[in-house]
Amino acid sequence: MKKIRRKTNLTQGYLQRAAYRYLERYATTEANLVFILKRKSERFLTRNEGSDLKTEHISQWIKEIVGNCVKNGLVNDKLYAEARIKVFFNAGNSLPIIRNKLRAKGVCTNIINDLIARINLDNPDVNFKSCIKYARKRRFGPYRIKPTKEGSNKKEQASMARAGFSYTETKRVLSASQETLDNILYEK
């Protein structure tokens, strides 16, 4: 049985309700919310080619909707970035990867730099701890379960370099014992 779609009109109210529905489920940045609403309106326009709506009107609606969301505190790039940085560090991501992920979501580079500088002041070896978490997650170095094969150490170094960790951090993690790294990670 074919599902019958109810005909909806693209209005400012429709886009505003769509923005609120999205914000109920996900935290996002200002730039990402603009992208989501533009994509939604483009899908509507391609489905309804006979529509007399102009993209200038739609982009003005989107500006107003996102502006209201920012003004009301529903969208806050700084809070979003703070929360995501904590999640990324706990997942074992390096500083360059975190910068790129936040930039891809539309967070301003000034906000990113300020937050990372504050984190580095509070905990100067946060990137090294992140490197340990990455090695533990990927089972590299002392966390390795399988016996060492020829060339596996170089492959692990290459993987950690691609993940954005420096050579010194990588060598330090791969050459240390598991007990030492766990003590550093959990500060025993």
C-alpha atoms as a PDB file:
ATOM      1  CA  MET A   1       0.000   0.000   0.000  1.00  0.00           C
ATOM      2  CA  LYS A   2       1.401   3.345  -1.036  1.00  0.00           C
ATOM      3  CA  LYS A   3       1.800   5.945   1.694  1.00  0.00           C
ATOM      4  CA  ILE A   4      -0.102   9.130   0.909  1.00  0.00           C
ATOM      5  CA  ARG A   5       1.786  12.294   1.731  1.00  0.00           C
ATOM      6  CA  ARG A   6      -0.100  15.203   3.124  1.00  0.00           C
ATOM      7  CA  LYS A   7       0.551  18.333   1.116  1.00  0.00           C
ATOM      8  CA  THR A   8       2.462  20.872   3.177  1.00  0.00           C
ATOM      9  CA  ASN A   9       3.413  24.384   2.310  1.00  0.00           C
ATOM     10  CA  LEU A  10       6.831  25.800   2.963  1.00  0.00           C
ATOM     11  CA  THR A  11       6.275  28.697   5.310  1.00  0.00           C
ATOM     12  CA  GLN A  12       8.298  30.439   7.954  1.00  0.00           C
ATOM     13  CA  GLY A  13       6.240  28.675  10.631  1.00  0.00           C
ATOM     14  CA  TYR A  14       6.945  25.296   9.055  1.00  0.00           C
ATOM     15  CA  LEU A  15      10.698  25.958   9.044  1.00  0.00           C
ATOM     16  CA  GLN A  16      10.571  27.250  12.607  1.00  0.00           C
ATOM     17  CA  ARG A  17       8.790  24.106  13.802  1.00  0.00           C
ATOM     18  CA  ALA A  18      11.358  22.016  11.930  1.00  0.00           C
ATOM     19  CA  ALA A  19      14.168  23.908  13.673  1.00  0.00           C
ATOM     20  CA  TYR A  20      12.582  23.329  17.089  1.00  0.00           C
ATOM     21  CA  ARG A  21      12.084  19.630  16.359  1.00  0.00           C
ATOM     22  CA  TYR A  22      15.743  19.352  15.388  1.00  0.00           C
ATOM     23  CA  LEU A  23      16.898  21.236  18.484  1.00  0.00           C
ATOM     24  CA  GLU A  24      14.793  18.977  20.713  1.00  0.00           C
ATOM     25  CA  ARG A  25      16.856  16.023  19.553  1.00  0.00           C
ATOM     26  CA  TYR A  26      20.326  17.447  18.875  1.00  0.00           C
ATOM     27  CA  ALA A  27      22.648  20.157  20.121  1.00  0.00           C
ATOM     28  CA  THR A  28      24.029  22.107  17.205  1.00  0.00           C
ATOM     29  CA  THR A  29      25.820  25.230  16.099  1.00  0.00           C
ATOM     30  CA  GLU A  30      24.381  28.270  14.415  1.00  0.00           C
ATOM     31  CA  ALA A  31      26.009  27.440  11.063  1.00  0.00           C
ATOM     32  CA  ASN A  32      24.838  23.823  11.187  1.00  0.00           C
ATOM     33  CA  LEU A  33      21.242  24.858  11.918  1.00  0.00           C
ATOM     34  CA  VAL A  34      21.332  27.159   8.884  1.00  0.00           C
ATOM     35  CA  PHE A  35      22.637  24.258   6.798  1.00  0.00           C
ATOM     36  CA  ILE A  36      19.890  21.907   8.062  1.00  0.00           C
ATOM     37  CA  LEU A  37      17.107  24.378   7.310  1.00  0.00           C
ATOM     38  CA  LYS A  38      18.498  25.221   3.859  1.00  0.00           C
ATOM     39  CA  ARG A  39      18.716  21.540   3.011  1.00  0.00           C
ATOM     40  CA  LYS A  40      15.130  21.019   4.170  1.00  0.00           C
ATOM     41  CA  SER A  41      13.876  23.926   2.055  1.00  0.00           C
ATOM     42  CA  GLU A  42      15.863  22.745  -0.996  1.00  0.00           C
ATOM     43  CA  ARG A  43      14.291  19.299  -0.709  1.00  0.00           C
ATOM     44  CA  PHE A  44      10.870  20.905  -0.559  1.00  0.00           C
ATOM     45  CA  LEU A  45      11.574  23.057  -3.618  1.00  0.00           C
ATOM     46  CA  THR A  46      12.815  20.096  -5.677  1.00  0.00           C
ATOM     47  CA  ARG A  47       9.730  18.067  -4.739  1.00  0.00           C
ATOM     48  CA  ASN A  48       7.389  20.937  -5.584  1.00  0.00           C
ATOM     49  CA  GLU A  49       8.874  22.437  -8.720  1.00  0.00           C
ATOM     50  CA  GLY A  50       5.786  24.533  -9.426  1.00  0.00           C
ATOM     51  CA  SER A  51       6.232  26.472  -6.188  1.00  0.00           C
ATOM     52  CA  ASP A  52       6.385  30.254  -6.498  1.00  0.00           C
ATOM     53  CA  LEU A  53       8.671  30.690  -3.473  1.00  0.00           C
ATOM     54  CA  LYS A  54      11.951  32.477  -4.019  1.00  0.00           C
ATOM     55  CA  THR A  55      15.183  31.458  -2.365  1.00  0.00           C
ATOM     56  CA  GLU A  56      15.716  35.039  -1.134  1.00  0.00           C
ATOM     57  CA  HIS A  57      12.536  34.822   0.960  1.00  0.00           C
ATOM     58  CA  ILE A  58      13.505  31.430   2.305  1.00  0.00           C
ATOM     59  CA  SER A  59      17.034  32.515   3.233  1.00  0.00           C
ATOM     60  CA  GLN A  60      15.579  35.565   5.017  1.00  0.00           C
ATOM     61  CA  TRP A  61      13.218  33.291   6.978  1.00  0.00           C
ATOM     62  CA  ILE A  62      16.121  31.041   7.917  1.00  0.00           C
ATOM     63  CA  LYS A  63      18.166  34.032   9.145  1.00  0.00           C
ATOM     64  CA  GLU A  64      15.278  35.172  11.326  1.00  0.00           C
ATOM     65  CA  ILE A  65      14.629  31.687  12.715  1.00  0.00           C
ATOM     66  CA  VAL A  66      18.268  31.049  13.566  1.00  0.00           C
ATOM     67  CA  GLY A  67      18.595  34.548  15.020  1.00  0.00           C
ATOM     68  CA  ASN A  68      15.615  33.887  17.307  1.00  0.00           C
ATOM     69  CA  CYS A  69      17.087  30.549  18.365  1.00  0.00           C
ATOM     70  CA  VAL A  70      20.400  32.220  19.248  1.00  0.00           C
ATOM     71  CA  LYS A  71      18.652  35.096  21.041  1.00  0.00           C
ATOM     72  CA  ASN A  72      16.554  32.686  23.109  1.00  0.00           C
ATOM     73  CA  GLY A  73      19.591  30.580  24.028  1.00  0.00           C
ATOM     74  CA  LEU A  74      18.565  27.461  22.139  1.00  0.00           C
ATOM     75  CA  VAL A  75      21.737  27.599  20.045  1.00  0.00           C
ATOM     76  CA  ASN A  76      25.040  28.506  21.690  1.00  0.00           C
ATOM     77  CA  ASP A  77      28.243  27.749  19.782  1.00  0.00           C
ATOM     78  CA  LYS A  78      30.478  28.099  22.841  1.00  0.00           C
ATOM     79  CA  LEU A  79      28.505  25.647  24.990  1.00  0.00           C
ATOM     80  CA  TYR A  80      28.299  23.235  22.076  1.00  0.00           C
ATOM     81  CA  ALA A  81      32.060  23.414  21.530  1.00  0.00           C
ATOM     82  CA  GLU A  82      32.816  22.909  25.244  1.00  0.00           C
ATOM     83  CA  ALA A  83      30.666  19.796  25.377  1.00  0.00           C
ATOM     84  CA  ARG A  84      32.039  18.353  22.140  1.00  0.00           C
ATOM     85  CA  ILE A  85      35.670  18.968  23.167  1.00  0.00           C
ATOM     86  CA  LYS A  86      35.135  16.907  26.323  1.00  0.00           C
ATOM     87  CA  VAL A  87      33.555  14.107  24.309  1.00  0.00           C
ATOM     88  CA  PHE A  88      36.342  14.171  21.710  1.00  0.00           C
ATOM     89  CA  PHE A  89      39.108  14.073  24.329  1.00  0.00           C
ATOM     90  CA  ASN A  90      37.431  11.181  26.120  1.00  0.00           C
ATOM     91  CA  ALA A  91      37.235   9.353  22.798  1.00  0.00           C
ATOM     92  CA  GLY A  92      40.988   9.758  22.254  1.00  0.00           C
ATOM     93  CA  ASN A  93      41.010  12.449  19.561  1.00  0.00           C
ATOM     94  CA  SER A  94      44.015  14.745  19.179  1.00  0.00           C
ATOM     95  CA  LEU A  95      43.934  18.549  19.225  1.00  0.00           C
ATOM     96  CA  PRO A  96      44.211  18.931  15.420  1.00  0.00           C
ATOM     97  CA  ILE A  97      41.383  16.452  14.850  1.00  0.00           C
ATOM     98  CA  ILE A  98      39.206  18.230  17.422  1.00  0.00           C
ATOM     99  CA  ARG A  99      39.861  21.587  15.745  1.00  0.00           C
ATOM    100  CA  ASN A 100      38.880  20.168  12.357  1.00  0.00           C
ATOM    101  CA  LYS A 101      35.714  18.500  13.655  1.00  0.00           C
ATOM    102  CA  LEU A 102      34.541  21.679  15.362  1.00  0.00           C
ATOM    103  CA  ARG A 103      35.414  23.820  12.341  1.00  0.00           C
ATOM    104  CA  ALA A 104      33.415  21.429  10.156  1.00  0.00           C
ATOM    105  CA  LYS A 105      30.361  22.029  12.363  1.00  0.00           C
ATOM    106  CA  GLY A 106      30.731  25.784  11.933  1.00  0.00           C
ATOM    107  CA  VAL A 107      32.224  26.808  15.276  1.00  0.00           C
ATOM    108  CA  CYS A 108      34.220  30.051  15.047  1.00  0.00           C
ATOM    109  CA  THR A 109      38.009  29.576  15.204  1.00  0.00           C
ATOM    110  CA  ASN A 110      38.278  32.175  17.977  1.00  0.00           C
ATOM    111  CA  ILE A 111      35.987  30.105  20.198  1.00  0.00           C
ATOM    112  CA  ILE A 112      37.920  26.927  19.378  1.00  0.00           C
ATOM    113  CA  ASN A 113      41.289  28.544  20.125  1.00  0.00           C
ATOM    114  CA  ASP A 114      40.057  30.047  23.418  1.00  0.00           C
ATOM    115  CA  LEU A 115      38.598  26.762  24.648  1.00  0.00           C
ATOM    116  CA  ILE A 116      41.646  24.713  23.710  1.00  0.00           C
ATOM    117  CA  ALA A 117      43.968  27.278  25.295  1.00  0.00           C
ATOM    118  CA  ARG A 118      41.933  27.143  28.515  1.00  0.00           C
ATOM    119  CA  ILE A 119      42.034  23.337  28.514  1.00  0.00           C
ATOM    120  CA  ASN A 120      45.806  23.374  27.952  1.00  0.00           C
ATOM    121  CA  LEU A 121      46.221  25.763  30.909  1.00  0.00           C
ATOM    122  CA  ASP A 122      44.139  23.541  33.193  1.00  0.00           C
ATOM    123  CA  ASN A 123      45.768  20.313  32.030  1.00  0.00           C
ATOM    124  CA  PRO A 124      48.959  20.743  29.962  1.00  0.00           C
ATOM    125  CA  ASP A 125      49.317  17.050  29.070  1.00  0.00           C
ATOM    126  CA  VAL A 126      45.736  16.595  27.837  1.00  0.00           C
ATOM    127  CA  ASN A 127      46.912  15.675  24.327  1.00  0.00           C
ATOM    128  CA  PHE A 128      49.247  13.006  25.748  1.00  0.00           C
ATOM    129  CA  LYS A 129      46.376  11.518  27.777  1.00  0.00           C
ATOM    130  CA  SER A 130      44.310  11.547  24.637  1.00  0.00           C
ATOM    131  CA  CYS A 131      47.127   9.704  22.868  1.00  0.00           C
ATOM    132  CA  ILE A 132      47.052   7.038  25.596  1.00  0.00           C
ATOM    133  CA  LYS A 133      43.286   6.674  25.186  1.00  0.00           C
ATOM    134  CA  TYR A 134      43.699   6.310  21.431  1.00  0.00           C
ATOM    135  CA  ALA A 135      46.351   3.595  21.881  1.00  0.00           C
ATOM    136  CA  ARG A 136      44.172   1.765  24.393  1.00  0.00           C
ATOM    137  CA  LYS A 137      41.128   1.951  22.124  1.00  0.00           C
ATOM    138  CA  ARG A 138      43.067   0.686  19.098  1.00  0.00           C
ATOM    139  CA  ARG A 139      45.087  -1.804  21.206  1.00  0.00           C
ATOM    140  CA  PHE A 140      48.465  -0.398  20.249  1.00  0.00           C
ATOM    141  CA  GLY A 141      51.790  -0.737  22.053  1.00  0.00           C
ATOM    142  CA  PRO A 142      51.414  -2.040  25.609  1.00  0.00           C
ATOM    143  CA  TYR A 143      47.675  -2.578  25.095  1.00  0.00           C
ATOM    144  CA  ARG A 144      48.333  -5.009  22.245  1.00  0.00           C
ATOM    145  CA  ILE A 145      46.690  -8.415  22.671  1.00  0.00           C
ATOM    146  CA  LYS A 146      48.129 -10.270  19.688  1.00  0.00           C
ATOM    147  CA  PRO A 147      51.854 -10.994  19.515  1.00  0.00           C
ATOM    148  CA  THR A 148      54.027  -8.403  17.763  1.00  0.00           C
ATOM    149  CA  LYS A 149      54.533  -8.933  14.060  1.00  0.00           C
ATOM    150  CA  GLU A 150      57.301  -7.468  11.958  1.00  0.00           C
ATOM    151  CA  GLY A 151      56.399  -3.898  11.010  1.00  0.00           C
ATOM    152  CA  SER A 152      53.423  -3.605  13.365  1.00  0.00           C
ATOM    153  CA  ASN A 153      55.176  -0.923  15.407  1.00  0.00           C
ATOM    154  CA  LYS A 154      55.622   1.262  12.305  1.00  0.00           C
ATOM    155  CA  LYS A 155      51.990   0.734  11.337  1.00  0.00           C
ATOM    156  CA  GLU A 156      50.886   1.803  14.803  1.00  0.00           C
ATOM    157  CA  GLN A 157      53.107   4.900  14.630  1.00  0.00           C
ATOM    158  CA  ALA A 158      51.662   5.778  11.231  1.00  0.00           C
ATOM    159  CA  SER A 159      48.108   5.352  12.473  1.00  0.00           C
ATOM    160  CA  MET A 160      48.765   7.584  15.468  1.00  0.00           C
ATOM    161  CA  ALA A 161      50.428  10.194  13.249  1.00  0.00           C
ATOM    162  CA  ARG A 162      47.358  10.232  10.987  1.00  0.00           C
ATOM    163  CA  ALA A 163      45.255  10.692  14.113  1.00  0.00           C
ATOM    164  CA  GLY A 164      47.186  13.906  14.782  1.00  0.00           C
ATOM    165  CA  PHE A 165      49.566  12.895  17.567  1.00  0.00           C
ATOM    166  CA  SER A 166      53.178  14.033  17.540  1.00  0.00           C
ATOM    167  CA  TYR A 167      56.111  11.691  17.065  1.00  0.00           C
ATOM    168  CA  THR A 168      57.347  12.180  20.637  1.00  0.00           C
ATOM    169  CA  GLU A 169      53.916  11.443  22.134  1.00  0.00           C
ATOM    170  CA  THR A 170      53.560   8.377  19.958  1.00  0.00           C
ATOM    171  CA  LYS A 171      57.014   6.993  20.825  1.00  0.00           C
ATOM    172  CA  ARG A 172      56.434   7.682  24.509  1.00  0.00           C
ATOM    173  CA  VAL A 173      53.113   5.810  24.513  1.00  0.00           C
ATOM    174  CA  LEU A 174      54.282   2.865  22.428  1.00  0.00           C
ATOM    175  CA  SER A 175      57.452   2.326  24.487  1.00  0.00           C
ATOM    176  CA  ALA A 176      55.888   2.647  27.960  1.00  0.00           C
ATOM    177  CA  SER A 177      54.345  -0.130  30.008  1.00  0.00           C
ATOM    178  CA  GLN A 178      50.619  -0.503  30.402  1.00  0.00           C
ATOM    179  CA  GLU A 179      50.824   0.100  34.148  1.00  0.00           C
ATOM    180  CA  THR A 180      52.725   3.376  33.663  1.00  0.00           C
ATOM    181  CA  LEU A 181      50.221   4.635  31.099  1.00  0.00           C
ATOM    182  CA  ASP A 182      47.274   3.682  33.287  1.00  0.00           C
ATOM    183  CA  ASN A 183      48.841   5.553  36.205  1.00  0.00           C
ATOM    184  CA  ILE A 184      49.256   8.664  34.020  1.00  0.00           C
ATOM    185  CA  LEU A 185      45.743   8.348  32.633  1.00  0.00           C
ATOM    186  CA  TYR A 186      44.030   7.840  35.973  1.00  0.00           C
ATOM    187  CA  GLU A 187      46.599   9.861  37.995  1.00  0.00           C
ATOM    188  CA  LYS A 188      47.191   7.266  40.677  1.00  0.00           C
END
